[in-house]
Amino acid sequence: MPAALQPPMHPTLPELARRFGNVPARRIRLDRYPADEGDVEDLHAAEGRSYELVDGVLLEKEMGFQESAIAVEITTRLKNFVRGKSLGVIAGADGMMKLAPGLVRIPDASFVRKAQFPGGRIGEAAIPNIHPDLAVEVLSPCNTVEEMDEKLDDYFTAGATLVWLVEPDTRSVSVFASADRATAVRLTIADTLDGGAVLPGFALPVADIFAELDSI
């Protein structure tokens, strides 16, 4: 008699935490494994929580008050710059994107060129099939270098041109034109962040990103 087929083993939380760069296990939603884009939408609607989707695994996006305030400041500056120019769309920390089949990422702020939207209209899809031309990630204490390296690779593989990693602890911004950390340019509060070829003419003193936090 042939041996009975065994059901596939689900990965454990420690295994998944290691797989995604030693992130805190609390961020992993194992009760929905394997998950899909429908799970991302359902949980966002039902619980108001944002989950990224990678290899069938839901990873919660954790953002504290400080990180949220920084993201809003950057989003506001970007929005004010593109307003009236018909360049594209600025999205905030709920702007979910399908970078590839089974891969959903959620930058803390992003710019998407108008050309990515059919007919120049955003449409009604909760998770559109687009990528950030500019992605902004404000690092939280729960983020690891390994996790962010994978996210950088996902962004640039999907077609991103520019990524900013904002580091609240050091009041700095690392600017990436590729996923290679060796090529990143680290800016401090003495420097000015610019939009490069993605948003020519955009300029934001790094000190301004943190000014409100440092003045209250």
N, C-alpha and C. Protein backbone atom coordinates (compact mmCIF):
# COMPACT_ATOMS: atom_id res chain seq x y z
N MET A 1 0.86 -1.19 0.00
CA MET A 1 0.00 0.00 0.00
C MET A 1 0.90 1.25 0.00
N PRO A 2 0.63 2.20 -0.92
CA PRO A 2 1.46 3.41 -0.95
C PRO A 2 1.30 4.21 0.34
N ALA A 3 2.35 4.87 0.73
CA ALA A 3 2.30 5.68 1.94
C ALA A 3 1.34 6.85 1.73
N ALA A 4 0.60 7.18 2.79
CA ALA A 4 -0.34 8.29 2.73
C ALA A 4 0.42 9.60 2.56
N LEU A 5 -0.13 10.47 1.72
CA LEU A 5 0.50 11.76 1.52
C LEU A 5 0.31 12.62 2.76
N GLN A 6 1.37 13.25 3.19
CA GLN A 6 1.31 14.13 4.35
C GLN A 6 1.02 15.56 3.89
N PRO A 7 0.18 16.28 4.64
CA PRO A 7 -0.08 17.67 4.27
C PRO A 7 1.20 18.49 4.38
N PRO A 8 1.36 19.49 3.54
CA PRO A 8 2.57 20.30 3.60
C PRO A 8 2.70 20.98 4.95
N MET A 9 3.92 21.05 5.44
CA MET A 9 4.17 21.68 6.73
C MET A 9 4.21 23.19 6.57
N HIS A 10 3.50 23.87 7.47
CA HIS A 10 3.57 25.32 7.47
C HIS A 10 4.86 25.75 8.14
N PRO A 11 5.49 26.80 7.66
CA PRO A 11 6.69 27.30 8.34
C PRO A 11 6.33 27.83 9.72
N THR A 12 7.27 27.79 10.63
CA THR A 12 7.06 28.31 11.98
C THR A 12 7.36 29.80 12.03
N LEU A 13 6.88 30.47 13.06
CA LEU A 13 7.16 31.89 13.22
C LEU A 13 8.66 32.18 13.29
N PRO A 14 9.44 31.42 14.07
CA PRO A 14 10.88 31.69 14.07
C PRO A 14 11.52 31.53 12.69
N GLU A 15 11.07 30.55 11.92
CA GLU A 15 11.61 30.35 10.58
C GLU A 15 11.29 31.55 9.69
N LEU A 16 10.06 32.02 9.76
CA LEU A 16 9.67 33.15 8.93
C LEU A 16 10.35 34.44 9.39
N ALA A 17 10.49 34.60 10.69
CA ALA A 17 11.17 35.79 11.20
C ALA A 17 12.60 35.85 10.66
N ARG A 18 13.28 34.71 10.62
CA ARG A 18 14.63 34.67 10.06
C ARG A 18 14.60 34.92 8.56
N ARG A 19 13.62 34.31 7.88
CA ARG A 19 13.51 34.47 6.42
C ARG A 19 13.39 35.93 6.02
N PHE A 20 12.68 36.72 6.82
CA PHE A 20 12.45 38.12 6.46
C PHE A 20 13.38 39.07 7.19
N GLY A 21 14.56 38.57 7.56
CA GLY A 21 15.59 39.46 8.11
C GLY A 21 15.52 39.64 9.59
N ASN A 22 15.10 38.60 10.32
CA ASN A 22 15.03 38.66 11.78
C ASN A 22 14.11 39.77 12.29
N VAL A 23 12.97 39.91 11.61
CA VAL A 23 11.97 40.87 12.06
C VAL A 23 11.26 40.31 13.28
N PRO A 24 10.63 41.16 14.11
CA PRO A 24 9.86 40.65 15.25
C PRO A 24 8.74 39.72 14.78
N ALA A 25 8.60 38.59 15.44
CA ALA A 25 7.60 37.59 15.04
C ALA A 25 6.18 38.14 15.11
N ARG A 26 5.95 39.15 15.96
CA ARG A 26 4.60 39.70 16.10
C ARG A 26 4.09 40.32 14.81
N ARG A 27 4.99 40.67 13.90
CA ARG A 27 4.59 41.30 12.65
C ARG A 27 4.10 40.30 11.61
N ILE A 28 4.24 39.02 11.88
CA ILE A 28 3.91 37.99 10.89
C ILE A 28 2.53 37.41 11.20
N ARG A 29 1.66 37.41 10.21
CA ARG A 29 0.28 36.94 10.37
C ARG A 29 0.21 35.50 9.85
N LEU A 30 0.48 34.54 10.72
CA LEU A 30 0.57 33.15 10.28
C LEU A 30 -0.79 32.49 10.11
N ASP A 31 -1.84 33.07 10.74
CA ASP A 31 -3.16 32.44 10.64
C ASP A 31 -3.75 32.55 9.24
N ARG A 32 -3.13 33.35 8.37
CA ARG A 32 -3.60 33.50 6.99
C ARG A 32 -2.59 32.97 5.98
N TYR A 33 -1.77 32.04 6.39
CA TYR A 33 -0.76 31.50 5.48
C TYR A 33 -1.30 30.27 4.75
N PRO A 34 -1.10 30.14 3.44
CA PRO A 34 -0.54 31.17 2.56
C PRO A 34 -1.58 32.23 2.23
N ALA A 35 -1.16 33.47 2.23
CA ALA A 35 -2.07 34.59 2.00
C ALA A 35 -1.97 35.07 0.56
N ASP A 36 -2.94 35.91 0.17
CA ASP A 36 -2.91 36.52 -1.15
C ASP A 36 -3.34 37.97 -1.02
N GLU A 37 -3.50 38.64 -2.16
CA GLU A 37 -3.86 40.06 -2.13
C GLU A 37 -5.21 40.31 -1.50
N GLY A 38 -6.13 39.34 -1.63
CA GLY A 38 -7.44 39.48 -0.99
C GLY A 38 -7.32 39.58 0.51
N ASP A 39 -6.38 38.85 1.11
CA ASP A 39 -6.16 38.93 2.55
C ASP A 39 -5.64 40.30 2.95
N VAL A 40 -4.77 40.87 2.13
CA VAL A 40 -4.26 42.21 2.40
C VAL A 40 -5.42 43.21 2.45
N GLU A 41 -6.31 43.14 1.45
CA GLU A 41 -7.45 44.04 1.40
C GLU A 41 -8.41 43.79 2.56
N ASP A 42 -8.71 42.53 2.85
CA ASP A 42 -9.66 42.19 3.91
C ASP A 42 -9.20 42.70 5.26
N LEU A 43 -7.95 42.47 5.59
CA LEU A 43 -7.45 42.87 6.91
C LEU A 43 -7.36 44.39 7.03
N HIS A 44 -7.04 45.04 5.92
CA HIS A 44 -7.00 46.51 5.96
C HIS A 44 -8.40 47.07 6.20
N ALA A 45 -9.40 46.48 5.56
CA ALA A 45 -10.77 46.95 5.72
C ALA A 45 -11.35 46.58 7.08
N ALA A 46 -11.09 45.36 7.54
CA ALA A 46 -11.71 44.87 8.77
C ALA A 46 -11.01 45.34 10.04
N GLU A 47 -9.68 45.47 9.97
CA GLU A 47 -8.92 45.77 11.17
C GLU A 47 -8.17 47.10 11.11
N GLY A 48 -8.14 47.72 9.93
CA GLY A 48 -7.40 48.97 9.78
C GLY A 48 -5.90 48.79 9.90
N ARG A 49 -5.41 47.59 9.62
CA ARG A 49 -3.99 47.30 9.73
C ARG A 49 -3.41 47.03 8.35
N SER A 50 -2.21 47.51 8.13
CA SER A 50 -1.58 47.38 6.82
C SER A 50 -0.58 46.23 6.83
N TYR A 51 -0.73 45.33 5.86
CA TYR A 51 0.17 44.19 5.73
C TYR A 51 0.77 44.17 4.34
N GLU A 52 2.08 43.96 4.28
CA GLU A 52 2.72 43.68 3.01
C GLU A 52 2.64 42.18 2.76
N LEU A 53 2.72 41.79 1.50
CA LEU A 53 2.60 40.39 1.12
C LEU A 53 3.87 39.97 0.38
N VAL A 54 4.55 38.96 0.92
CA VAL A 54 5.77 38.46 0.31
C VAL A 54 5.79 36.94 0.43
N ASP A 55 5.85 36.26 -0.70
CA ASP A 55 5.92 34.79 -0.70
C ASP A 55 4.81 34.14 0.12
N GLY A 56 3.59 34.68 -0.01
CA GLY A 56 2.45 34.11 0.69
C GLY A 56 2.38 34.46 2.16
N VAL A 57 3.26 35.33 2.64
CA VAL A 57 3.32 35.70 4.05
C VAL A 57 2.91 37.16 4.22
N LEU A 58 2.10 37.42 5.24
CA LEU A 58 1.67 38.77 5.57
C LEU A 58 2.60 39.35 6.63
N LEU A 59 3.21 40.50 6.31
CA LEU A 59 4.10 41.19 7.23
C LEU A 59 3.48 42.54 7.59
N GLU A 60 3.19 42.74 8.85
CA GLU A 60 2.54 43.99 9.25
C GLU A 60 3.51 45.16 9.14
N LYS A 61 2.99 46.28 8.63
CA LYS A 61 3.74 47.53 8.60
C LYS A 61 3.51 48.23 9.93
N GLU A 62 4.53 48.29 10.76
CA GLU A 62 4.43 48.99 12.04
C GLU A 62 5.01 50.39 11.90
N MET A 63 4.25 51.37 12.35
CA MET A 63 4.72 52.75 12.30
C MET A 63 4.30 53.45 13.57
N GLY A 64 5.28 53.96 14.31
CA GLY A 64 4.98 54.71 15.52
C GLY A 64 4.62 56.15 15.21
N PHE A 65 4.30 56.91 16.24
CA PHE A 65 3.87 58.29 16.07
C PHE A 65 4.96 59.13 15.41
N GLN A 66 6.21 58.96 15.87
CA GLN A 66 7.31 59.74 15.31
C GLN A 66 7.49 59.45 13.83
N GLU A 67 7.49 58.17 13.47
CA GLU A 67 7.67 57.80 12.07
C GLU A 67 6.53 58.35 11.21
N SER A 68 5.31 58.29 11.75
CA SER A 68 4.15 58.81 11.02
C SER A 68 4.28 60.31 10.77
N ALA A 69 4.71 61.05 11.80
CA ALA A 69 4.86 62.50 11.65
C ALA A 69 5.90 62.84 10.59
N ILE A 70 6.98 62.09 10.55
CA ILE A 70 8.02 62.32 9.54
C ILE A 70 7.48 62.01 8.15
N ALA A 71 6.76 60.90 8.02
CA ALA A 71 6.20 60.52 6.72
C ALA A 71 5.21 61.56 6.22
N VAL A 72 4.41 62.11 7.12
CA VAL A 72 3.44 63.14 6.73
C VAL A 72 4.16 64.39 6.25
N GLU A 73 5.24 64.77 6.93
CA GLU A 73 6.00 65.96 6.53
C GLU A 73 6.55 65.79 5.11
N ILE A 74 7.13 64.63 4.84
CA ILE A 74 7.70 64.39 3.50
C ILE A 74 6.60 64.31 2.45
N THR A 75 5.52 63.62 2.78
CA THR A 75 4.40 63.49 1.85
C THR A 75 3.83 64.86 1.49
N THR A 76 3.69 65.73 2.50
CA THR A 76 3.15 67.07 2.28
C THR A 76 4.06 67.88 1.37
N ARG A 77 5.36 67.81 1.61
CA ARG A 77 6.30 68.56 0.77
C ARG A 77 6.26 68.06 -0.68
N LEU A 78 6.19 66.74 -0.85
CA LEU A 78 6.12 66.17 -2.19
C LEU A 78 4.81 66.57 -2.88
N LYS A 79 3.72 66.50 -2.14
CA LYS A 79 2.41 66.84 -2.70
C LYS A 79 2.39 68.30 -3.14
N ASN A 80 2.92 69.18 -2.32
CA ASN A 80 2.94 70.60 -2.68
C ASN A 80 3.78 70.84 -3.94
N PHE A 81 4.84 70.04 -4.11
CA PHE A 81 5.70 70.23 -5.28
C PHE A 81 5.02 69.79 -6.57
N VAL A 82 4.33 68.67 -6.55
CA VAL A 82 3.75 68.14 -7.79
C VAL A 82 2.40 68.75 -8.12
N ARG A 83 1.78 69.42 -7.15
CA ARG A 83 0.44 69.97 -7.38
C ARG A 83 0.43 70.90 -8.60
N GLY A 84 -0.50 70.62 -9.52
CA GLY A 84 -0.68 71.45 -10.69
C GLY A 84 0.29 71.19 -11.82
N LYS A 85 1.21 70.26 -11.64
CA LYS A 85 2.21 70.00 -12.68
C LYS A 85 1.87 68.80 -13.56
N SER A 86 0.86 68.05 -13.22
CA SER A 86 0.45 66.87 -13.98
C SER A 86 1.59 65.87 -14.16
N LEU A 87 2.36 65.69 -13.08
CA LEU A 87 3.51 64.78 -13.14
C LEU A 87 3.14 63.37 -12.73
N GLY A 88 2.27 63.27 -11.75
CA GLY A 88 1.92 61.97 -11.22
C GLY A 88 1.23 62.12 -9.88
N VAL A 89 1.29 61.05 -9.08
CA VAL A 89 0.52 60.98 -7.84
C VAL A 89 1.45 60.74 -6.66
N ILE A 90 1.17 61.45 -5.57
CA ILE A 90 1.84 61.22 -4.29
C ILE A 90 0.89 60.41 -3.40
N ALA A 91 1.39 59.32 -2.86
CA ALA A 91 0.59 58.49 -1.95
C ALA A 91 1.26 58.44 -0.59
N GLY A 92 0.43 58.20 0.44
CA GLY A 92 0.94 58.12 1.80
C GLY A 92 1.13 56.68 2.25
N ALA A 93 1.09 56.48 3.56
CA ALA A 93 1.48 55.20 4.16
C ALA A 93 0.44 54.10 3.99
N ASP A 94 -0.69 54.40 3.35
CA ASP A 94 -1.67 53.35 3.02
C ASP A 94 -1.67 53.03 1.52
N GLY A 95 -0.70 53.57 0.80
CA GLY A 95 -0.67 53.38 -0.65
C GLY A 95 -0.10 52.03 -1.05
N MET A 96 -0.96 51.01 -1.07
CA MET A 96 -0.53 49.65 -1.40
C MET A 96 -0.27 49.49 -2.89
N MET A 97 0.76 48.72 -3.22
CA MET A 97 1.14 48.52 -4.62
C MET A 97 1.47 47.06 -4.88
N LYS A 98 0.98 46.54 -5.99
CA LYS A 98 1.34 45.20 -6.42
C LYS A 98 2.55 45.31 -7.34
N LEU A 99 3.71 44.98 -6.80
CA LEU A 99 4.94 45.10 -7.57
C LEU A 99 5.13 43.95 -8.54
N ALA A 100 4.58 42.79 -8.18
CA ALA A 100 4.67 41.57 -8.99
C ALA A 100 3.61 40.62 -8.47
N PRO A 101 3.30 39.54 -9.21
CA PRO A 101 2.31 38.58 -8.69
C PRO A 101 2.71 38.08 -7.30
N GLY A 102 1.82 38.24 -6.35
CA GLY A 102 2.08 37.78 -4.99
C GLY A 102 3.00 38.67 -4.18
N LEU A 103 3.31 39.87 -4.68
CA LEU A 103 4.20 40.78 -3.97
C LEU A 103 3.54 42.15 -3.81
N VAL A 104 3.17 42.48 -2.59
CA VAL A 104 2.55 43.77 -2.28
C VAL A 104 3.46 44.50 -1.30
N ARG A 105 3.83 45.71 -1.66
CA ARG A 105 4.63 46.56 -0.79
C ARG A 105 3.88 47.87 -0.53
N ILE A 106 4.22 48.51 0.61
CA ILE A 106 3.53 49.74 1.01
C ILE A 106 4.57 50.75 1.48
N PRO A 107 5.09 51.58 0.60
CA PRO A 107 6.02 52.61 1.04
C PRO A 107 5.34 53.58 2.01
N ASP A 108 6.13 54.22 2.86
CA ASP A 108 5.56 55.21 3.78
C ASP A 108 5.15 56.48 3.03
N ALA A 109 5.78 56.72 1.92
CA ALA A 109 5.38 57.78 0.98
C ALA A 109 5.91 57.38 -0.38
N SER A 110 5.24 57.84 -1.43
CA SER A 110 5.69 57.44 -2.76
C SER A 110 5.22 58.43 -3.81
N PHE A 111 5.96 58.45 -4.90
CA PHE A 111 5.56 59.18 -6.11
C PHE A 111 5.47 58.18 -7.25
N VAL A 112 4.35 58.22 -7.97
CA VAL A 112 4.13 57.35 -9.12
C VAL A 112 3.84 58.23 -10.33
N ARG A 113 4.63 58.06 -11.37
CA ARG A 113 4.45 58.88 -12.56
C ARG A 113 3.07 58.64 -13.19
N LYS A 114 2.54 59.69 -13.79
CA LYS A 114 1.23 59.63 -14.42
C LYS A 114 1.15 58.55 -15.48
N ALA A 115 2.24 58.30 -16.17
CA ALA A 115 2.25 57.33 -17.26
C ALA A 115 1.92 55.92 -16.81
N GLN A 116 2.08 55.62 -15.53
CA GLN A 116 1.77 54.28 -15.04
C GLN A 116 0.28 54.00 -14.94
N PHE A 117 -0.54 55.04 -14.94
CA PHE A 117 -1.97 54.87 -14.79
C PHE A 117 -2.66 54.89 -16.15
N PRO A 118 -3.44 53.85 -16.47
CA PRO A 118 -4.13 53.82 -17.75
C PRO A 118 -4.99 55.05 -17.95
N GLY A 119 -4.78 55.73 -19.07
CA GLY A 119 -5.55 56.93 -19.35
C GLY A 119 -5.24 58.08 -18.42
N GLY A 120 -4.18 57.94 -17.61
CA GLY A 120 -3.82 59.01 -16.69
C GLY A 120 -4.72 59.11 -15.48
N ARG A 121 -5.53 58.06 -15.23
CA ARG A 121 -6.43 58.07 -14.07
C ARG A 121 -6.04 56.99 -13.08
N ILE A 122 -6.19 57.30 -11.79
CA ILE A 122 -5.76 56.38 -10.75
C ILE A 122 -6.56 55.09 -10.76
N GLY A 123 -7.87 55.17 -10.97
CA GLY A 123 -8.70 53.97 -10.95
C GLY A 123 -9.11 53.60 -9.53
N GLU A 124 -9.89 52.52 -9.40
CA GLU A 124 -10.47 52.15 -8.12
C GLU A 124 -9.83 50.94 -7.46
N ALA A 125 -8.84 50.33 -8.08
CA ALA A 125 -8.22 49.14 -7.50
C ALA A 125 -7.55 49.50 -6.17
N ALA A 126 -7.83 48.71 -5.13
CA ALA A 126 -7.22 48.97 -3.83
C ALA A 126 -5.72 48.73 -3.87
N ILE A 127 -5.29 47.76 -4.67
CA ILE A 127 -3.87 47.44 -4.80
C ILE A 127 -3.52 47.45 -6.29
N PRO A 128 -3.28 48.62 -6.85
CA PRO A 128 -3.02 48.69 -8.29
C PRO A 128 -1.69 48.05 -8.66
N ASN A 129 -1.61 47.63 -9.90
CA ASN A 129 -0.41 47.00 -10.44
C ASN A 129 0.55 48.09 -10.91
N ILE A 130 1.22 48.73 -9.94
CA ILE A 130 2.13 49.84 -10.22
C ILE A 130 3.36 49.68 -9.33
N HIS A 131 4.34 50.54 -9.55
CA HIS A 131 5.52 50.57 -8.68
C HIS A 131 5.83 52.02 -8.35
N PRO A 132 6.52 52.26 -7.26
CA PRO A 132 6.91 53.65 -6.95
C PRO A 132 8.08 54.08 -7.81
N ASP A 133 7.96 55.21 -8.46
CA ASP A 133 9.14 55.78 -9.11
C ASP A 133 10.08 56.34 -8.04
N LEU A 134 9.48 56.89 -6.98
CA LEU A 134 10.21 57.27 -5.78
C LEU A 134 9.51 56.61 -4.60
N ALA A 135 10.26 55.87 -3.80
CA ALA A 135 9.73 55.26 -2.58
C ALA A 135 10.44 55.85 -1.37
N VAL A 136 9.68 56.14 -0.34
CA VAL A 136 10.22 56.66 0.92
C VAL A 136 9.88 55.69 2.03
N GLU A 137 10.89 55.28 2.78
CA GLU A 137 10.70 54.41 3.94
C GLU A 137 11.27 55.11 5.17
N VAL A 138 10.43 55.31 6.18
CA VAL A 138 10.87 55.88 7.45
C VAL A 138 11.13 54.71 8.39
N LEU A 139 12.37 54.52 8.79
CA LEU A 139 12.74 53.35 9.56
C LEU A 139 12.16 53.39 10.96
N SER A 140 11.61 52.25 11.37
CA SER A 140 11.09 52.05 12.71
C SER A 140 12.05 51.14 13.47
N PRO A 141 11.94 51.11 14.81
CA PRO A 141 12.83 50.22 15.59
C PRO A 141 12.71 48.76 15.20
N CYS A 142 11.55 48.34 14.65
CA CYS A 142 11.35 46.94 14.30
C CYS A 142 11.92 46.58 12.93
N ASN A 143 12.40 47.58 12.17
CA ASN A 143 12.99 47.29 10.86
C ASN A 143 14.44 46.84 11.03
N THR A 144 14.85 45.88 10.21
CA THR A 144 16.23 45.41 10.23
C THR A 144 16.90 45.72 8.90
N VAL A 145 18.22 45.71 8.90
CA VAL A 145 18.96 45.97 7.67
C VAL A 145 18.61 44.93 6.62
N GLU A 146 18.52 43.67 7.04
CA GLU A 146 18.21 42.59 6.10
C GLU A 146 16.83 42.78 5.47
N GLU A 147 15.86 43.17 6.29
CA GLU A 147 14.52 43.41 5.78
C GLU A 147 14.52 44.53 4.75
N MET A 148 15.20 45.63 5.06
CA MET A 148 15.20 46.76 4.16
C MET A 148 15.99 46.47 2.89
N ASP A 149 17.02 45.63 2.98
CA ASP A 149 17.74 45.24 1.78
C ASP A 149 16.83 44.50 0.81
N GLU A 150 15.99 43.61 1.34
CA GLU A 150 15.06 42.88 0.48
C GLU A 150 14.03 43.83 -0.13
N LYS A 151 13.58 44.79 0.68
CA LYS A 151 12.60 45.74 0.17
C LYS A 151 13.22 46.63 -0.92
N LEU A 152 14.45 47.05 -0.73
CA LEU A 152 15.14 47.83 -1.76
C LEU A 152 15.21 47.04 -3.06
N ASP A 153 15.57 45.78 -2.94
CA ASP A 153 15.67 44.94 -4.13
C ASP A 153 14.32 44.82 -4.82
N ASP A 154 13.25 44.67 -4.05
CA ASP A 154 11.91 44.59 -4.63
C ASP A 154 11.54 45.87 -5.37
N TYR A 155 11.82 47.01 -4.76
CA TYR A 155 11.48 48.28 -5.40
C TYR A 155 12.21 48.46 -6.72
N PHE A 156 13.52 48.25 -6.71
CA PHE A 156 14.29 48.50 -7.93
C PHE A 156 14.04 47.44 -9.00
N THR A 157 13.80 46.21 -8.60
CA THR A 157 13.44 45.18 -9.57
C THR A 157 12.13 45.53 -10.26
N ALA A 158 11.21 46.12 -9.51
CA ALA A 158 9.90 46.48 -10.07
C ALA A 158 9.96 47.70 -10.98
N GLY A 159 11.03 48.50 -10.87
CA GLY A 159 11.16 49.67 -11.75
C GLY A 159 11.39 50.99 -11.06
N ALA A 160 11.55 51.00 -9.74
CA ALA A 160 11.81 52.25 -9.03
C ALA A 160 13.12 52.87 -9.51
N THR A 161 13.17 54.20 -9.44
CA THR A 161 14.37 54.94 -9.82
C THR A 161 15.11 55.48 -8.61
N LEU A 162 14.35 55.75 -7.54
CA LEU A 162 14.93 56.43 -6.38
C LEU A 162 14.23 55.94 -5.12
N VAL A 163 15.02 55.68 -4.07
CA VAL A 163 14.47 55.30 -2.76
C VAL A 163 15.18 56.11 -1.68
N TRP A 164 14.38 56.66 -0.77
CA TRP A 164 14.94 57.35 0.39
C TRP A 164 14.64 56.53 1.63
N LEU A 165 15.68 56.18 2.39
CA LEU A 165 15.51 55.55 3.70
C LEU A 165 15.78 56.62 4.76
N VAL A 166 14.75 56.98 5.49
CA VAL A 166 14.85 58.04 6.49
C VAL A 166 15.12 57.41 7.85
N GLU A 167 16.17 57.89 8.53
CA GLU A 167 16.59 57.32 9.80
C GLU A 167 16.36 58.34 10.92
N PRO A 168 15.24 58.22 11.65
CA PRO A 168 14.95 59.20 12.70
C PRO A 168 16.02 59.28 13.79
N ASP A 169 16.60 58.16 14.18
CA ASP A 169 17.56 58.15 15.28
C ASP A 169 18.78 59.01 14.99
N THR A 170 19.23 58.99 13.75
CA THR A 170 20.44 59.74 13.38
C THR A 170 20.12 61.03 12.63
N ARG A 171 18.83 61.32 12.46
CA ARG A 171 18.39 62.51 11.72
C ARG A 171 19.11 62.57 10.36
N SER A 172 18.98 61.48 9.63
CA SER A 172 19.65 61.40 8.33
C SER A 172 18.76 60.69 7.31
N VAL A 173 19.15 60.80 6.05
CA VAL A 173 18.45 60.14 4.95
C VAL A 173 19.48 59.49 4.04
N SER A 174 19.29 58.20 3.75
CA SER A 174 20.15 57.50 2.80
C SER A 174 19.43 57.45 1.45
N VAL A 175 20.10 57.92 0.42
CA VAL A 175 19.52 58.03 -0.91
C VAL A 175 20.07 56.91 -1.78
N PHE A 176 19.16 56.12 -2.36
CA PHE A 176 19.53 54.98 -3.18
C PHE A 176 19.07 55.19 -4.62
N ALA A 177 19.98 54.97 -5.57
CA ALA A 177 19.62 54.93 -6.99
C ALA A 177 19.67 53.50 -7.50
N SER A 178 20.02 52.58 -6.62
CA SER A 178 20.01 51.15 -6.90
C SER A 178 19.93 50.43 -5.55
N ALA A 179 19.79 49.11 -5.58
CA ALA A 179 19.67 48.36 -4.34
C ALA A 179 21.02 48.13 -3.67
N ASP A 180 22.10 48.57 -4.27
CA ASP A 180 23.44 48.37 -3.74
C ASP A 180 23.73 49.40 -2.65
N ARG A 181 23.84 48.96 -1.41
CA ARG A 181 24.09 49.88 -0.30
C ARG A 181 25.41 50.64 -0.46
N ALA A 182 26.36 50.04 -1.16
CA ALA A 182 27.66 50.68 -1.33
C ALA A 182 27.57 51.96 -2.14
N THR A 183 26.51 52.11 -2.93
CA THR A 183 26.35 53.30 -3.76
C THR A 183 25.45 54.35 -3.12
N ALA A 184 24.91 54.06 -1.95
CA ALA A 184 23.97 54.99 -1.30
C ALA A 184 24.71 56.26 -0.85
N VAL A 185 23.99 57.37 -0.87
CA VAL A 185 24.52 58.64 -0.39
C VAL A 185 23.78 59.00 0.90
N ARG A 186 24.50 59.20 1.97
CA ARG A 186 23.88 59.50 3.26
C ARG A 186 23.91 61.00 3.51
N LEU A 187 22.74 61.58 3.72
CA LEU A 187 22.60 63.01 3.94
C LEU A 187 22.28 63.27 5.41
N THR A 188 22.84 64.32 5.96
CA THR A 188 22.59 64.72 7.35
C THR A 188 21.81 66.03 7.36
N ILE A 189 21.57 66.56 8.55
CA ILE A 189 20.77 67.78 8.67
C ILE A 189 21.48 69.00 8.07
N ALA A 190 22.74 68.85 7.69
CA ALA A 190 23.44 69.95 7.01
C ALA A 190 23.22 69.92 5.50
N ASP A 191 22.55 68.87 5.01
CA ASP A 191 22.40 68.66 3.57
C ASP A 191 20.96 68.91 3.11
N THR A 192 20.80 68.92 1.78
CA THR A 192 19.48 69.09 1.18
C THR A 192 19.15 67.90 0.30
N LEU A 193 17.99 67.35 0.49
CA LEU A 193 17.49 66.23 -0.30
C LEU A 193 16.90 66.76 -1.59
N ASP A 194 17.18 66.10 -2.71
CA ASP A 194 16.59 66.55 -3.97
C ASP A 194 15.91 65.39 -4.68
N GLY A 195 15.10 65.74 -5.68
CA GLY A 195 14.30 64.74 -6.39
C GLY A 195 15.01 64.05 -7.53
N GLY A 196 16.26 64.39 -7.77
CA GLY A 196 17.02 63.74 -8.83
C GLY A 196 16.32 63.81 -10.16
N ALA A 197 16.45 62.76 -10.95
CA ALA A 197 15.81 62.71 -12.27
C ALA A 197 14.33 62.39 -12.17
N VAL A 198 13.88 61.95 -11.00
CA VAL A 198 12.47 61.60 -10.83
C VAL A 198 11.61 62.85 -10.66
N LEU A 199 12.05 63.75 -9.81
CA LEU A 199 11.33 65.00 -9.57
C LEU A 199 12.32 66.16 -9.64
N PRO A 200 12.77 66.51 -10.86
CA PRO A 200 13.74 67.60 -11.00
C PRO A 200 13.21 68.90 -10.40
N GLY A 201 14.05 69.55 -9.62
CA GLY A 201 13.65 70.82 -9.02
C GLY A 201 13.15 70.70 -7.60
N PHE A 202 12.81 69.49 -7.18
CA PHE A 202 12.36 69.31 -5.79
C PHE A 202 13.57 69.38 -4.87
N ALA A 203 13.43 70.16 -3.78
CA ALA A 203 14.50 70.29 -2.80
C ALA A 203 13.89 70.36 -1.41
N LEU A 204 14.49 69.63 -0.48
CA LEU A 204 14.00 69.60 0.90
C LEU A 204 15.20 69.50 1.84
N PRO A 205 15.49 70.56 2.60
CA PRO A 205 16.55 70.45 3.59
C PRO A 205 16.25 69.32 4.57
N VAL A 206 17.23 68.47 4.79
CA VAL A 206 17.00 67.34 5.69
C VAL A 206 16.59 67.83 7.08
N ALA A 207 17.13 68.95 7.51
CA ALA A 207 16.77 69.50 8.82
C ALA A 207 15.27 69.78 8.92
N ASP A 208 14.65 70.17 7.79
CA ASP A 208 13.22 70.48 7.80
C ASP A 208 12.37 69.24 8.06
N ILE A 209 12.87 68.07 7.67
CA ILE A 209 12.12 66.83 7.87
C ILE A 209 11.90 66.58 9.36
N PHE A 210 12.88 66.96 10.16
CA PHE A 210 12.84 66.68 11.59
C PHE A 210 12.57 67.92 12.44
N ALA A 211 12.39 69.08 11.81
CA ALA A 211 12.30 70.34 12.54
C ALA A 211 11.14 70.33 13.54
N GLU A 212 9.99 69.85 13.12
CA GLU A 212 8.83 69.86 14.01
C GLU A 212 9.06 68.96 15.23
N LEU A 213 9.68 67.81 15.02
CA LEU A 213 9.95 66.91 16.14
C LEU A 213 10.92 67.54 17.12
N ASP A 214 11.89 68.28 16.60
CA ASP A 214 12.93 68.84 17.46
C ASP A 214 12.55 70.17 18.10
N SER A 215 11.40 70.72 17.74
CA SER A 215 11.03 72.04 18.26
C SER A 215 9.91 71.99 19.28
N ILE A 216 9.26 70.83 19.44
CA ILE A 216 8.12 70.74 20.37
C ILE A 216 8.62 70.43 21.77
